[in-house]
Each structure stands twice: as C-alpha cells, then as structure tokens.
Amino acid sequence: LQNLAVALVMTKKLPAFLYIARWLSEKIGAVIIPLECFVENSHGCPQLPDRHAEVVQRFVRRGAKVVIQIDRTQEDDLHSFLRYRQCVEKVWDQIEKLDKVQIAGHSDRDCLQPPFQPLADNLGS
C-alpha cells in the first residue's frame, strides 16, 4: 500500500480553498486537468486560470504529477497536446524554488522526532 496514491481531477469551477486544503496533507499522486479547465488568452493559447495554477503548484510542490486529460476524438491530438503541455510547463516554471533552509527542513516534515531533553526528563514511564 506504500505505492498507492490518490489522483484528483480538477473541475472548471474549483471548490472553496478550505476544501482543497484538506487534500494537501494527503499523498496525492497526480492532479488530472481536463481541457475544460483551460481558457484561451489573447493570443489564442490555452492557459490555466490563476486559481487553478495555484492549486496545481501546491500539489506539484508536494510531489504530485500532472496529467492532462485530452479528448481523443480530436483530429490534431499531438498538436493540441503540445499546446496544453506548454501551458502546464509555464505553471511549473512559476513554482518558487526552495532555498537551502527550506530544503533542509523539508526532509524532516513527515518524520517522528524524539522529544527534547527537558520534556523527555519529565515524562513518566
């Protein structure tokens, strides 16, 4: 069961952030983005709305993969996929890079730590 993870499917209208925040503490293996979540910018290129992009960035920072769900009935599958992939790559590039302190603290987040010495001295056995 260690390799079992959840994949979340985004919707065009996202729920309240408090609902999304519940999932941030879970092991999310992938975020699936259907084409309906993308909007076209002034140049006719697909892009994710700011709120969608922020949610994707939060899950990617926690190790989730991104899956673009494309309608296979389109004639120009590869060209369409590449346009949406470029959009997701832009979102990926906007993710803040961790500094050395954050990287050092990141490895300890999910580990149990022994209690500090004064606390350990006062704990009953």
Foldseek 3Di string as FASTA:
>chain_A
DVPDAAEAEADLDHDDVVVLVVCLVGRHAAYEYEPSQWDADPVRFTAHPPVVLVSRLSNVVVPHYYHYDYDPVDPPVVVNVVSVVVRNVVSVVPRDDDDPVCVVVVVCPPDDDDDDPVVVVPDDD
